[in-house]
Amino acid sequence: MIPSQVNRVVFCLLICAAALFSSGRLTAAQEATQPERTSAAVHREDETNLDTQLYLIQATNQTAANSKLPALLDPIVKQLQATLPFKNYALAATLINRLKNGGRLSVRWIGGPMPAPASSSSTAPSFNDFTIEAVQLATSEDGGPMVRMRGFNFGSRIPIQTGTTFASGGNLSYPSINYEPTGIHTDISLREGEPVVVGTLNVSSAGDGLVVVVSVKRSPK
């Protein structure tokens, strides 16, 4: 083989080697950026916010001061009327909160959810606690949007008047109050945007009940 031919062969081999090296670097770069894109997509999904609505419904056989309920709760009321022996239902409280998909929630407040009996002279408030350990979007077996709620907890410490204490002079008196805890703790799944009954509580000596209803949906962007 003459020198010129050898030079051409060597030149061709160098060109091929350079092309293969560049192709390998391009493939490696594409593979390196793919996880970044996937990670970014997951990050965007994790930024989804959820709105939770907690409805506390007073169930009583007495005349309710305000028995009008949101139209969203009409199916719930029909369900309650068919299963519970109460004549009237009224909305005692509504709590609306926002949290991140996969996040947790903790709310505490004083007062309510049940009004004090008219015959009671006590003005002691109740103490309430609503927490969720984790709320996560999911998909049902039929492909519909679902929400999983882990560690759902609603609790209330209700003041109960157990007697009357008189001052040493005998002219003044004040009620003796004991706080009794009541509440619900559970894990549930529900369809997104549809309210469901979590449970019922007996919260007064007159036999009045409290129905705990919850609904979760994606927050508007």
C-alpha atoms as a PDB file:
ATOM      1  CA  MET A   1       0.000   0.000   0.000  1.00  0.00           C
ATOM      2  CA  ILE A   2       1.418   3.353  -1.041  1.00  0.00           C
ATOM      3  CA  PRO A   3       1.793   6.150   1.591  1.00  0.00           C
ATOM      4  CA  SER A   4      -1.046   8.229   0.132  1.00  0.00           C
ATOM      5  CA  GLN A   5      -3.484   5.347   0.494  1.00  0.00           C
ATOM      6  CA  VAL A   6      -2.331   4.733   4.042  1.00  0.00           C
ATOM      7  CA  ASN A   7      -2.947   8.356   4.898  1.00  0.00           C
ATOM      8  CA  ARG A   8      -6.451   8.202   3.450  1.00  0.00           C
ATOM      9  CA  VAL A   9      -7.257   5.068   5.468  1.00  0.00           C
ATOM     10  CA  VAL A  10      -5.963   6.622   8.683  1.00  0.00           C
ATOM     11  CA  PHE A  11      -7.935   9.802   7.989  1.00  0.00           C
ATOM     12  CA  CYS A  12     -11.150   7.820   7.456  1.00  0.00           C
ATOM     13  CA  LEU A  13     -10.636   5.882  10.674  1.00  0.00           C
ATOM     14  CA  LEU A  14     -10.148   9.119  12.618  1.00  0.00           C
ATOM     15  CA  ILE A  15     -13.358  10.599  11.133  1.00  0.00           C
ATOM     16  CA  CYS A  16     -15.364   7.488  12.060  1.00  0.00           C
ATOM     17  CA  ALA A  17     -13.957   7.449  15.586  1.00  0.00           C
ATOM     18  CA  ALA A  18     -14.836  11.130  16.077  1.00  0.00           C
ATOM     19  CA  ALA A  19     -18.392  10.534  14.825  1.00  0.00           C
ATOM     20  CA  LEU A  20     -18.901   7.585  17.161  1.00  0.00           C
ATOM     21  CA  PHE A  21     -17.540   9.583  20.114  1.00  0.00           C
ATOM     22  CA  SER A  22     -19.847  12.528  19.382  1.00  0.00           C
ATOM     23  CA  SER A  23     -22.848  10.215  19.011  1.00  0.00           C
ATOM     24  CA  GLY A  24     -22.059   8.550  22.323  1.00  0.00           C
ATOM     25  CA  ARG A  25     -21.813  11.902  24.108  1.00  0.00           C
ATOM     26  CA  LEU A  26     -25.141  13.036  22.613  1.00  0.00           C
ATOM     27  CA  THR A  27     -26.887   9.821  23.722  1.00  0.00           C
ATOM     28  CA  ALA A  28     -25.437  10.133  27.211  1.00  0.00           C
ATOM     29  CA  ALA A  29     -26.543  13.758  27.433  1.00  0.00           C
ATOM     30  CA  GLN A  30     -30.096  12.830  26.377  1.00  0.00           C
ATOM     31  CA  GLU A  31     -30.239  10.038  28.955  1.00  0.00           C
ATOM     32  CA  ALA A  32     -28.935  12.401  31.637  1.00  0.00           C
ATOM     33  CA  THR A  33     -31.597  15.019  30.940  1.00  0.00           C
ATOM     34  CA  GLN A  34     -34.470  12.482  30.865  1.00  0.00           C
ATOM     35  CA  PRO A  35     -34.537  11.939  34.676  1.00  0.00           C
ATOM     36  CA  GLU A  36     -34.445  15.710  35.138  1.00  0.00           C
ATOM     37  CA  ARG A  37     -37.549  16.088  32.957  1.00  0.00           C
ATOM     38  CA  THR A  38     -39.307  13.249  34.796  1.00  0.00           C
ATOM     39  CA  SER A  39     -38.353  14.758  38.150  1.00  0.00           C
ATOM     40  CA  ALA A  40     -39.669  18.154  37.049  1.00  0.00           C
ATOM     41  CA  ALA A  41     -43.002  16.572  36.022  1.00  0.00           C
ATOM     42  CA  VAL A  42     -43.310  14.852  39.386  1.00  0.00           C
ATOM     43  CA  HIS A  43     -42.449  18.106  41.139  1.00  0.00           C
ATOM     44  CA  ARG A  44     -45.186  19.944  39.251  1.00  0.00           C
ATOM     45  CA  GLU A  45     -47.708  17.238  40.205  1.00  0.00           C
ATOM     46  CA  ASP A  46     -46.681  17.503  43.855  1.00  0.00           C
ATOM     47  CA  GLU A  47     -47.534  21.219  43.779  1.00  0.00           C
ATOM     48  CA  THR A  48     -51.247  20.441  43.344  1.00  0.00           C
ATOM     49  CA  ASN A  49     -53.303  22.011  46.140  1.00  0.00           C
ATOM     50  CA  LEU A  50     -56.481  20.562  47.623  1.00  0.00           C
ATOM     51  CA  ASP A  51     -59.446  22.304  49.257  1.00  0.00           C
ATOM     52  CA  THR A  52     -61.066  20.470  52.177  1.00  0.00           C
ATOM     53  CA  GLN A  53     -64.574  21.265  53.417  1.00  0.00           C
ATOM     54  CA  LEU A  54     -65.581  20.015  56.851  1.00  0.00           C
ATOM     55  CA  TYR A  55     -69.307  20.301  57.612  1.00  0.00           C
ATOM     56  CA  LEU A  56     -70.626  19.798  61.140  1.00  0.00           C
ATOM     57  CA  ILE A  57     -74.374  19.133  61.042  1.00  0.00           C
ATOM     58  CA  GLN A  58     -76.522  19.375  64.152  1.00  0.00           C
ATOM     59  CA  ALA A  59     -79.051  16.545  64.383  1.00  0.00           C
ATOM     60  CA  THR A  60     -81.889  17.155  66.825  1.00  0.00           C
ATOM     61  CA  ASN A  61     -85.523  16.441  67.569  1.00  0.00           C
ATOM     62  CA  GLN A  62     -85.967  20.038  68.722  1.00  0.00           C
ATOM     63  CA  THR A  63     -86.906  22.907  66.435  1.00  0.00           C
ATOM     64  CA  ALA A  64     -83.747  24.005  64.645  1.00  0.00           C
ATOM     65  CA  ALA A  65     -83.104  27.765  64.527  1.00  0.00           C
ATOM     66  CA  ASN A  66     -81.734  27.567  60.986  1.00  0.00           C
ATOM     67  CA  SER A  67     -82.440  24.326  59.145  1.00  0.00           C
ATOM     68  CA  LYS A  68     -81.302  25.560  55.709  1.00  0.00           C
ATOM     69  CA  LEU A  69     -78.314  23.597  54.419  1.00  0.00           C
ATOM     70  CA  PRO A  70     -76.152  24.081  51.299  1.00  0.00           C
ATOM     71  CA  ALA A  71     -77.499  22.360  48.193  1.00  0.00           C
ATOM     72  CA  LEU A  72     -74.288  20.315  48.084  1.00  0.00           C
ATOM     73  CA  LEU A  73     -75.469  18.535  51.243  1.00  0.00           C
ATOM     74  CA  ASP A  74     -78.964  17.590  49.975  1.00  0.00           C
ATOM     75  CA  PRO A  75     -77.974  13.948  49.217  1.00  0.00           C
ATOM     76  CA  ILE A  76     -76.377  13.738  52.679  1.00  0.00           C
ATOM     77  CA  VAL A  77     -79.550  14.976  54.400  1.00  0.00           C
ATOM     78  CA  LYS A  78     -81.683  12.447  52.513  1.00  0.00           C
ATOM     79  CA  GLN A  79     -79.317   9.712  53.621  1.00  0.00           C
ATOM     80  CA  LEU A  80     -79.492  10.882  57.242  1.00  0.00           C
ATOM     81  CA  GLN A  81     -83.285  11.132  57.227  1.00  0.00           C
ATOM     82  CA  ALA A  82     -83.479   7.533  56.021  1.00  0.00           C
ATOM     83  CA  THR A  83     -81.086   6.136  58.630  1.00  0.00           C
ATOM     84  CA  LEU A  84     -81.159   8.321  61.772  1.00  0.00           C
ATOM     85  CA  PRO A  85     -84.158   9.049  64.075  1.00  0.00           C
ATOM     86  CA  PHE A  86     -83.833  12.860  64.094  1.00  0.00           C
ATOM     87  CA  LYS A  87     -86.457  15.331  62.920  1.00  0.00           C
ATOM     88  CA  ASN A  88     -84.270  18.308  62.061  1.00  0.00           C
ATOM     89  CA  TYR A  89     -80.794  18.951  60.691  1.00  0.00           C
ATOM     90  CA  ALA A  90     -78.975  22.273  60.767  1.00  0.00           C
ATOM     91  CA  LEU A  91     -75.509  23.395  59.802  1.00  0.00           C
ATOM     92  CA  ALA A  92     -73.516  23.998  62.986  1.00  0.00           C
ATOM     93  CA  ALA A  93     -70.161  24.921  61.389  1.00  0.00           C
ATOM     94  CA  THR A  94     -68.227  24.879  58.122  1.00  0.00           C
ATOM     95  CA  LEU A  95     -64.432  24.788  57.881  1.00  0.00           C
ATOM     96  CA  ILE A  96     -62.650  25.356  54.567  1.00  0.00           C
ATOM     97  CA  ASN A  97     -58.902  24.769  54.400  1.00  0.00           C
ATOM     98  CA  ARG A  98     -56.259  24.350  51.701  1.00  0.00           C
ATOM     99  CA  LEU A  99     -53.307  21.984  51.765  1.00  0.00           C
ATOM    100  CA  LYS A 100     -50.760  20.506  49.387  1.00  0.00           C
ATOM    101  CA  ASN A 101     -51.346  17.143  47.727  1.00  0.00           C
ATOM    102  CA  GLY A 102     -49.744  14.658  50.098  1.00  0.00           C
ATOM    103  CA  GLY A 103     -49.736  17.240  52.889  1.00  0.00           C
ATOM    104  CA  ARG A 104     -51.267  17.369  56.343  1.00  0.00           C
ATOM    105  CA  LEU A 105     -53.702  19.649  58.155  1.00  0.00           C
ATOM    106  CA  SER A 106     -54.277  20.720  61.755  1.00  0.00           C
ATOM    107  CA  VAL A 107     -56.987  23.143  62.915  1.00  0.00           C
ATOM    108  CA  ARG A 108     -58.026  24.046  66.468  1.00  0.00           C
ATOM    109  CA  TRP A 109     -60.740  26.416  67.581  1.00  0.00           C
ATOM    110  CA  ILE A 110     -62.866  27.416  70.567  1.00  0.00           C
ATOM    111  CA  GLY A 111     -66.663  27.493  70.620  1.00  0.00           C
ATOM    112  CA  GLY A 112     -69.364  25.304  69.093  1.00  0.00           C
ATOM    113  CA  PRO A 113     -70.087  23.145  67.290  1.00  0.00           C
ATOM    114  CA  MET A 114     -73.199  22.623  69.435  1.00  0.00           C
ATOM    115  CA  PRO A 115     -75.044  25.550  71.049  1.00  0.00           C
ATOM    116  CA  ALA A 116     -75.420  25.470  74.819  1.00  0.00           C
ATOM    117  CA  PRO A 117     -78.828  24.261  76.038  1.00  0.00           C
ATOM    118  CA  ALA A 118     -81.231  27.078  76.833  1.00  0.00           C
ATOM    119  CA  SER A 119     -81.677  25.717  80.366  1.00  0.00           C
ATOM    120  CA  SER A 120     -77.939  25.802  81.060  1.00  0.00           C
ATOM    121  CA  SER A 121     -76.422  28.741  82.939  1.00  0.00           C
ATOM    122  CA  SER A 122     -72.908  27.756  81.872  1.00  0.00           C
ATOM    123  CA  THR A 123     -71.033  29.882  79.346  1.00  0.00           C
ATOM    124  CA  ALA A 124     -68.026  27.544  79.203  1.00  0.00           C
ATOM    125  CA  PRO A 125     -66.807  27.050  75.615  1.00  0.00           C
ATOM    126  CA  SER A 126     -65.979  23.783  73.925  1.00  0.00           C
ATOM    127  CA  PHE A 127     -62.542  23.065  72.466  1.00  0.00           C
ATOM    128  CA  ASN A 128     -62.316  21.479  69.020  1.00  0.00           C
ATOM    129  CA  ASP A 129     -59.561  19.799  67.035  1.00  0.00           C
ATOM    130  CA  PHE A 130     -59.582  18.784  63.353  1.00  0.00           C
ATOM    131  CA  THR A 131     -56.486  17.068  61.913  1.00  0.00           C
ATOM    132  CA  ILE A 132     -55.522  14.958  58.898  1.00  0.00           C
ATOM    133  CA  GLU A 133     -52.154  13.211  58.826  1.00  0.00           C
ATOM    134  CA  ALA A 134     -52.031  13.003  55.007  1.00  0.00           C
ATOM    135  CA  VAL A 135     -54.323  13.719  52.038  1.00  0.00           C
ATOM    136  CA  GLN A 136     -53.345  12.107  48.739  1.00  0.00           C
ATOM    137  CA  LEU A 137     -54.930  12.114  45.277  1.00  0.00           C
ATOM    138  CA  ALA A 138     -55.487   8.616  43.875  1.00  0.00           C
ATOM    139  CA  THR A 139     -57.357   6.753  41.132  1.00  0.00           C
ATOM    140  CA  SER A 140     -60.216   4.299  41.692  1.00  0.00           C
ATOM    141  CA  GLU A 141     -60.505   0.898  39.997  1.00  0.00           C
ATOM    142  CA  ASP A 142     -62.827   2.397  37.361  1.00  0.00           C
ATOM    143  CA  GLY A 143     -60.357   5.212  36.639  1.00  0.00           C
ATOM    144  CA  GLY A 144     -62.190   7.939  38.561  1.00  0.00           C
ATOM    145  CA  PRO A 145     -60.452  10.524  40.762  1.00  0.00           C
ATOM    146  CA  MET A 146     -60.233   9.512  44.406  1.00  0.00           C
ATOM    147  CA  VAL A 147     -58.840  11.057  47.576  1.00  0.00           C
ATOM    148  CA  ARG A 148     -57.227   9.059  50.379  1.00  0.00           C
ATOM    149  CA  MET A 149     -57.300  10.586  53.866  1.00  0.00           C
ATOM    150  CA  ARG A 150     -55.009   9.006  56.444  1.00  0.00           C
ATOM    151  CA  GLY A 151     -55.387   9.842  60.112  1.00  0.00           C
ATOM    152  CA  PHE A 152     -58.645  11.810  59.830  1.00  0.00           C
ATOM    153  CA  ASN A 153     -59.462  13.083  63.306  1.00  0.00           C
ATOM    154  CA  PHE A 154     -62.223  15.317  64.615  1.00  0.00           C
ATOM    155  CA  GLY A 155     -62.432  15.783  68.355  1.00  0.00           C
ATOM    156  CA  SER A 156     -64.280  18.061  70.736  1.00  0.00           C
ATOM    157  CA  ARG A 157     -64.029  18.583  74.483  1.00  0.00           C
ATOM    158  CA  ILE A 158     -67.556  19.451  75.581  1.00  0.00           C
ATOM    159  CA  PRO A 159     -68.349  21.219  78.876  1.00  0.00           C
ATOM    160  CA  ILE A 160     -70.798  19.320  81.074  1.00  0.00           C
ATOM    161  CA  GLN A 161     -72.316  21.049  84.106  1.00  0.00           C
ATOM    162  CA  THR A 162     -72.207  18.555  86.958  1.00  0.00           C
ATOM    163  CA  GLY A 163     -73.524  20.790  89.729  1.00  0.00           C
ATOM    164  CA  THR A 164     -73.326  24.180  91.398  1.00  0.00           C
ATOM    165  CA  THR A 165     -70.650  25.400  93.774  1.00  0.00           C
ATOM    166  CA  PHE A 166     -71.503  28.084  96.348  1.00  0.00           C
ATOM    167  CA  ALA A 167     -69.061  30.626  97.711  1.00  0.00           C
ATOM    168  CA  SER A 168     -68.203  30.620 101.418  1.00  0.00           C
ATOM    169  CA  GLY A 169     -70.632  33.496 102.099  1.00  0.00           C
ATOM    170  CA  GLY A 170     -73.474  31.612 100.457  1.00  0.00           C
ATOM    171  CA  ASN A 171     -74.519  34.564  98.276  1.00  0.00           C
ATOM    172  CA  LEU A 172     -72.554  33.694  95.140  1.00  0.00           C
ATOM    173  CA  SER A 173     -72.536  30.496  93.134  1.00  0.00           C
ATOM    174  CA  TYR A 174     -70.949  29.205  89.964  1.00  0.00           C
ATOM    175  CA  PRO A 175     -71.446  26.031  87.935  1.00  0.00           C
ATOM    176  CA  SER A 176     -69.154  23.049  88.335  1.00  0.00           C
ATOM    177  CA  ILE A 177     -67.915  22.063  84.861  1.00  0.00           C
ATOM    178  CA  ASN A 178     -66.292  18.862  83.661  1.00  0.00           C
ATOM    179  CA  TYR A 179     -64.943  18.550  80.125  1.00  0.00           C
ATOM    180  CA  GLU A 180     -65.748  15.302  78.356  1.00  0.00           C
ATOM    181  CA  PRO A 181     -63.876  14.348  75.149  1.00  0.00           C
ATOM    182  CA  THR A 182     -65.692  13.005  72.112  1.00  0.00           C
ATOM    183  CA  GLY A 183     -64.537  12.480  68.563  1.00  0.00           C
ATOM    184  CA  ILE A 184     -63.806  10.337  65.499  1.00  0.00           C
ATOM    185  CA  HIS A 185     -60.481   8.941  64.294  1.00  0.00           C
ATOM    186  CA  THR A 186     -60.312   6.930  61.064  1.00  0.00           C
ATOM    187  CA  ASP A 187     -58.740   6.391  57.614  1.00  0.00           C
ATOM    188  CA  ILE A 188     -61.087   6.907  54.663  1.00  0.00           C
ATOM    189  CA  SER A 189     -61.226   7.148  50.872  1.00  0.00           C
ATOM    190  CA  LEU A 190     -63.756   9.256  48.978  1.00  0.00           C
ATOM    191  CA  ARG A 191     -64.507  10.430  45.480  1.00  0.00           C
ATOM    192  CA  GLU A 192     -63.069  13.826  44.686  1.00  0.00           C
ATOM    193  CA  GLY A 193     -65.613  16.617  45.124  1.00  0.00           C
ATOM    194  CA  GLU A 194     -68.339  14.428  46.680  1.00  0.00           C
ATOM    195  CA  PRO A 195     -69.255  14.969  50.375  1.00  0.00           C
ATOM    196  CA  VAL A 196     -69.422  11.865  52.552  1.00  0.00           C
ATOM    197  CA  VAL A 197     -70.516  11.157  56.119  1.00  0.00           C
ATOM    198  CA  VAL A 198     -67.464  10.299  58.217  1.00  0.00           C
ATOM    199  CA  GLY A 199     -69.448   9.527  61.379  1.00  0.00           C
ATOM    200  CA  THR A 200     -71.932  10.697  64.014  1.00  0.00           C
ATOM    201  CA  LEU A 201     -71.478  11.727  67.641  1.00  0.00           C
ATOM    202  CA  ASN A 202     -73.815  12.076  70.614  1.00  0.00           C
ATOM    203  CA  VAL A 203     -72.908  15.494  72.012  1.00  0.00           C
ATOM    204  CA  SER A 204     -75.589  16.440  74.540  1.00  0.00           C
ATOM    205  CA  SER A 205     -77.557  14.969  77.392  1.00  0.00           C
ATOM    206  CA  ALA A 206     -80.754  15.670  75.429  1.00  0.00           C
ATOM    207  CA  GLY A 207     -79.678  13.128  72.838  1.00  0.00           C
ATOM    208  CA  ASP A 208     -78.721  15.619  70.116  1.00  0.00           C
ATOM    209  CA  GLY A 209     -76.205  14.380  67.581  1.00  0.00           C
ATOM    210  CA  LEU A 210     -73.420  15.811  65.491  1.00  0.00           C
ATOM    211  CA  VAL A 211     -72.829  14.528  61.963  1.00  0.00           C
ATOM    212  CA  VAL A 212     -69.304  14.951  60.570  1.00  0.00           C
ATOM    213  CA  VAL A 213     -69.188  15.382  56.783  1.00  0.00           C
ATOM    214  CA  VAL A 214     -66.106  15.989  54.636  1.00  0.00           C
ATOM    215  CA  SER A 215     -65.411  16.800  50.996  1.00  0.00           C
ATOM    216  CA  VAL A 216     -62.109  17.286  49.122  1.00  0.00           C
ATOM    217  CA  LYS A 217     -61.415  18.697  45.646  1.00  0.00           C
ATOM    218  CA  ARG A 218     -58.518  20.163  43.713  1.00  0.00           C
ATOM    219  CA  SER A 219     -57.970  23.865  44.248  1.00  0.00           C
ATOM    220  CA  PRO A 220     -58.562  26.136  41.246  1.00  0.00           C
ATOM    221  CA  LYS A 221     -55.302  27.254  39.620  1.00  0.00           C
END
